[in-house]
Amino acid sequence: MRSLLIVLMILILLVVLWQIARALLLRAKCLEDEEIYLFIKGRFENNSAVQRRIASHLGTCEKCREQMRMIQFGKELDEHLVEKNEPI
């Protein structure tokens, strides 16, 4: 019984270490602006590996969340701009 408890504790520890390492790796490589833009526009299939990776990264990286806000804000401004050759 004691050895089973030790094995269970080791497995739990390995899972926790895996989650920490995964979070660190996802945080290490920030997203490209194009990835963020496509994510905002919903261009990735629901629950696809790419969408899950981006969502997971955005959940842990303040820098990329801020970049996403900037892209969203810029997109909103861009929709109200008038082309130079268009009549007003």
Protein backbone atom coordinates (compact mmCIF):
# COMPACT_ATOMS: atom_id res chain seq x y z
CA MET A 1 0.00 0.00 0.00
CA ARG A 2 2.83 2.37 0.87
CA SER A 3 4.58 1.78 -2.47
CA LEU A 4 1.33 2.49 -4.32
CA LEU A 5 1.04 5.80 -2.47
CA ILE A 6 4.62 6.69 -3.41
CA VAL A 7 3.98 5.86 -7.07
CA LEU A 8 0.81 7.97 -7.02
CA MET A 9 2.67 10.91 -5.49
CA ILE A 10 5.41 10.62 -8.11
CA LEU A 11 2.82 10.61 -10.90
CA ILE A 12 1.13 13.69 -9.47
CA LEU A 13 4.49 15.44 -9.20
CA LEU A 14 5.31 14.58 -12.83
CA VAL A 15 1.97 15.97 -14.03
CA VAL A 16 2.54 19.20 -12.11
CA LEU A 17 6.07 19.53 -13.49
CA TRP A 18 4.78 18.88 -17.02
CA GLN A 19 2.15 21.63 -16.66
CA ILE A 20 4.76 24.10 -15.38
CA ALA A 21 7.20 23.26 -18.20
CA ARG A 22 4.42 23.54 -20.79
CA ALA A 23 3.36 26.95 -19.48
CA LEU A 24 6.95 28.18 -19.56
CA LEU A 25 7.47 26.95 -23.11
CA LEU A 26 4.25 28.57 -24.31
CA ARG A 27 5.22 31.82 -22.65
CA ALA A 28 8.72 31.73 -24.10
CA LYS A 29 7.60 32.05 -27.72
CA CYS A 30 5.26 34.97 -28.13
CA LEU A 31 2.67 35.04 -30.88
CA GLU A 32 3.09 36.74 -34.23
CA ASP A 33 0.77 39.64 -34.97
CA GLU A 34 -0.73 37.69 -37.86
CA GLU A 35 -1.60 34.77 -35.54
CA ILE A 36 -3.31 37.15 -33.12
CA TYR A 37 -5.20 38.87 -35.95
CA LEU A 38 -6.41 35.56 -37.41
CA PHE A 39 -7.43 34.42 -33.91
CA ILE A 40 -9.45 37.61 -33.38
CA LYS A 41 -11.13 37.18 -36.78
CA GLY A 42 -12.03 33.56 -35.93
CA ARG A 43 -10.10 32.12 -38.86
CA PHE A 44 -9.02 28.97 -37.00
CA GLU A 45 -11.33 25.98 -36.66
CA ASN A 46 -13.04 25.71 -33.29
CA ASN A 47 -11.03 23.61 -30.87
CA SER A 48 -8.19 23.13 -33.37
CA ALA A 49 -4.68 22.66 -32.02
CA VAL A 50 -3.66 26.11 -33.28
CA GLN A 51 -6.65 27.82 -31.68
CA ARG A 52 -6.04 26.03 -28.37
CA ARG A 53 -2.33 26.95 -28.46
CA ILE A 54 -3.06 30.61 -29.10
CA ALA A 55 -5.81 30.77 -26.46
CA SER A 56 -3.56 29.05 -23.94
CA HIS A 57 -0.70 31.44 -24.68
CA LEU A 58 -2.96 34.48 -24.41
CA GLY A 59 -4.07 33.16 -21.03
CA THR A 60 -0.52 33.28 -19.71
CA CYS A 61 1.19 36.13 -21.58
CA GLU A 62 0.33 39.72 -20.71
CA LYS A 63 2.52 41.02 -23.55
CA CYS A 64 0.49 39.12 -26.17
CA ARG A 65 -2.82 40.09 -24.53
CA GLU A 66 -1.76 43.73 -24.77
CA GLN A 67 -0.76 43.21 -28.40
CA MET A 68 -4.19 41.66 -29.03
CA ARG A 69 -5.89 44.73 -27.53
CA MET A 70 -3.79 46.98 -29.76
CA ILE A 71 -4.69 44.96 -32.85
CA GLN A 72 -8.38 45.00 -31.91
CA PHE A 73 -8.31 48.75 -31.26
CA GLY A 74 -6.48 49.40 -34.53
CA LYS A 75 -9.01 47.23 -36.38
CA GLU A 76 -11.89 49.25 -34.94
CA LEU A 77 -10.23 52.50 -36.02
CA ASP A 78 -9.42 51.11 -39.46
CA GLU A 79 -13.09 50.32 -40.12
CA HIS A 80 -13.94 54.04 -39.78
CA LEU A 81 -11.23 55.35 -42.09
CA VAL A 82 -12.16 56.70 -45.51
CA GLU A 83 -10.05 55.79 -48.54
CA LYS A 84 -8.14 58.76 -49.97
CA ASN A 85 -9.83 58.46 -53.39
CA GLU A 86 -13.36 57.96 -52.03
CA PRO A 87 -15.71 60.94 -52.04
CA ILE A 88 -16.75 62.10 -48.60
